[in-house]
Structure formats: C-alpha cells, structure tokens
Amino acid sequence: MQSPHDKILYEYALVRFIPRVERGECINIGLVMMCKRRRWLRARFAIEEERLRAFAPGADIDALRRQVEAFERCAAGCPGPIGELEAHERFRWLTAVRSAALGTSRPHPGLCSDLDTTFNRLFTDLVTP
C-alpha cells in the first residue's frame, strides 16, 4: 500500500502547434503525461481558435483538430497498432521528434503523490492562457 509520502515518477511533454515548421515558432495547445509504473497515460488539449488565428493567421484549424483527435485516440489506447502499445510505449511514440504542425517538447520528469492532480496543475500552468 502506498503511503501519502511515497512519490510517483512521471514524465510529461507539452504538445505544440507549429504552423510553419521551418520558422520553429510554436504555441502550447496540450499536455501529455505518463507514469510507467502505474501504466497511466493522459492527454488534454485547449484549442482556442481566436488565440491560434492571432498566432498563425490562415492556419487550418479544422486540420489541426483532426490531428489532435488522432493524438488523443492514440493516447487513450484506441484499437490499432499504436493504441495497442503499453502506456509508456505510446508516450514515446507520441513524443518522438517529428517535423509536423503538431509536435511535442522534450519529455520532462517529475515526482508526485497524485497523478491526476499534477496533470491538472501542469495543464493549467503550462497550456491554458
């Protein structure tokens, strides 16, 4: 049984909208967090169209929403080759470096006693404006 003083190792990465990969400019639109020991993986997004249009006029927000939905399905463990992987393997796949409009930061580690509370705090601090 876990005591309240035991800490759980987790990793998280920011999910970023990168409208022009060649420029390297991005805006945080989501968070993905994983705990291998608990086989726990969560992703959440905040798609604020007005903010995104101010950042990237002419951006295809509908295409971004479709990409975000696919990311969420993979994180949730949907049927399919990626969704059927263990939580930590899906996290590694989702956070792999790629040149696309949807990218992630490098994963960052942390310790906490409550994964859901930590996820919500990180999302509020790092993603919501």
Protein backbone atom coordinates (compact mmCIF):
# COMPACT_ATOMS: atom_id res chain seq x y z
CA MET A 1 0.00 0.00 0.00
CA GLN A 2 1.28 3.44 -0.90
CA SER A 3 1.75 5.98 1.85
CA PRO A 4 0.97 9.66 1.18
CA HIS A 5 4.71 10.36 1.37
CA ASP A 6 5.61 7.98 -1.47
CA LYS A 7 6.32 9.77 -4.70
CA ILE A 8 5.45 8.51 -8.17
CA LEU A 9 7.79 9.11 -11.10
CA TYR A 10 6.07 10.59 -14.14
CA GLU A 11 7.05 12.23 -17.43
CA TYR A 12 5.23 14.93 -19.33
CA ALA A 13 5.58 16.81 -22.59
CA LEU A 14 3.88 19.89 -23.94
CA VAL A 15 2.02 19.45 -27.21
CA ARG A 16 2.65 22.35 -29.54
CA PHE A 17 1.09 23.81 -32.65
CA ILE A 18 3.87 24.65 -35.11
CA PRO A 19 2.19 26.30 -38.12
CA ARG A 20 5.45 26.77 -40.08
CA VAL A 21 7.98 24.15 -39.08
CA GLU A 22 10.77 25.96 -40.90
CA ARG A 23 10.32 29.01 -38.61
CA GLY A 24 10.34 26.96 -35.39
CA GLU A 25 7.64 29.12 -33.76
CA CYS A 26 5.09 27.31 -31.63
CA ILE A 27 2.27 27.72 -29.15
CA ASN A 28 1.38 25.25 -26.39
CA ILE A 29 -2.00 23.64 -27.02
CA GLY A 30 -1.86 20.44 -24.99
CA LEU A 31 -0.19 18.21 -22.45
CA VAL A 32 0.61 14.51 -22.47
CA MET A 33 1.72 12.81 -19.24
CA MET A 34 2.72 9.23 -18.45
CA CYS A 35 3.58 7.06 -15.46
CA LYS A 36 5.16 3.78 -16.49
CA ARG A 37 4.77 2.12 -13.07
CA ARG A 38 1.02 2.84 -13.00
CA ARG A 39 0.54 2.19 -16.74
CA TRP A 40 -1.09 5.61 -16.80
CA LEU A 41 -1.25 7.98 -19.77
CA ARG A 42 -3.32 11.15 -20.24
CA ALA A 43 -3.55 13.83 -22.90
CA ARG A 44 -5.62 17.00 -22.94
CA PHE A 45 -5.85 19.91 -25.35
CA ALA A 46 -7.07 23.50 -25.36
CA ILE A 47 -7.84 24.57 -28.92
CA GLU A 48 -8.68 28.27 -28.65
CA GLU A 49 -9.40 29.29 -32.21
CA GLU A 50 -9.07 33.06 -31.67
CA ARG A 51 -5.68 32.65 -30.00
CA LEU A 52 -4.45 30.30 -32.74
CA ARG A 53 -5.61 32.63 -35.52
CA ALA A 54 -3.81 35.56 -33.85
CA PHE A 55 -0.65 33.45 -33.68
CA ALA A 56 -0.96 31.98 -37.17
CA PRO A 57 -3.37 33.81 -39.49
CA GLY A 58 -4.65 31.48 -42.18
CA ALA A 59 -3.95 28.33 -40.15
CA ASP A 60 -6.16 25.34 -40.97
CA ILE A 61 -7.80 24.90 -37.57
CA ASP A 62 -10.01 22.03 -38.80
CA ALA A 63 -6.92 20.07 -39.89
CA LEU A 64 -5.33 20.80 -36.51
CA ARG A 65 -8.44 19.49 -34.72
CA ARG A 66 -8.24 16.25 -36.74
CA GLN A 67 -4.57 15.84 -35.79
CA VAL A 68 -5.39 16.48 -32.13
CA GLU A 69 -8.20 13.90 -32.25
CA ALA A 70 -5.80 11.28 -33.66
CA PHE A 71 -3.27 12.14 -30.94
CA GLU A 72 -5.97 11.76 -28.25
CA ARG A 73 -7.11 8.41 -29.67
CA CYS A 74 -3.54 7.06 -29.59
CA ALA A 75 -3.02 8.33 -26.04
CA ALA A 76 -6.30 6.71 -24.94
CA GLY A 77 -5.28 3.34 -26.37
CA CYS A 78 -7.66 3.13 -29.32
CA PRO A 79 -7.65 -0.05 -31.41
CA GLY A 80 -4.78 -0.12 -33.85
CA PRO A 81 -1.04 -0.64 -33.92
CA ILE A 82 -0.12 2.41 -31.79
CA GLY A 83 -3.15 2.31 -29.49
CA GLU A 84 -2.42 -1.29 -28.54
CA LEU A 85 1.05 -0.48 -27.19
CA GLU A 86 1.70 -0.17 -23.45
CA ALA A 87 1.20 3.33 -22.00
CA HIS A 88 4.93 4.11 -21.83
CA GLU A 89 5.44 2.92 -25.43
CA ARG A 90 2.55 5.10 -26.66
CA PHE A 91 4.06 8.05 -24.77
CA ARG A 92 7.43 7.50 -26.50
CA TRP A 93 5.71 7.28 -29.90
CA LEU A 94 3.63 10.42 -29.26
CA THR A 95 6.65 12.43 -28.08
CA ALA A 96 9.04 11.32 -30.83
CA VAL A 97 10.70 14.18 -32.70
CA ARG A 98 8.96 14.94 -35.98
CA SER A 99 8.62 17.75 -38.47
CA ALA A 100 4.89 18.39 -38.41
CA ALA A 101 2.37 21.04 -37.40
CA LEU A 102 1.74 19.11 -34.18
CA GLY A 103 4.86 18.46 -32.13
CA THR A 104 5.92 18.00 -28.54
CA SER A 105 8.56 19.33 -26.23
CA ARG A 106 11.22 17.02 -24.92
CA PRO A 107 9.79 14.89 -22.09
CA HIS A 108 10.37 16.22 -18.58
CA PRO A 109 10.41 14.01 -15.46
CA GLY A 110 8.83 14.73 -12.11
CA LEU A 111 7.73 13.18 -8.85
CA CYS A 112 4.27 13.49 -7.35
CA SER A 113 1.88 11.76 -4.99
CA ASP A 114 -1.24 12.23 -7.17
CA LEU A 115 -1.05 11.89 -10.95
CA ASP A 116 -4.43 13.44 -11.75
CA THR A 117 -3.84 16.50 -9.55
CA THR A 118 -0.37 17.00 -11.03
CA PHE A 119 -1.69 16.62 -14.57
CA ASN A 120 -4.39 19.23 -13.95
CA ARG A 121 -1.89 21.66 -12.37
CA LEU A 122 0.59 21.29 -15.23
CA PHE A 123 -2.16 21.75 -17.81
CA THR A 124 -3.37 24.93 -16.11
CA ASP A 125 0.15 26.34 -15.62
CA LEU A 126 1.64 25.43 -19.00
CA VAL A 127 -1.17 25.25 -21.54
CA THR A 128 -4.09 27.49 -20.65
CA PRO A 129 -3.52 31.19 -21.32
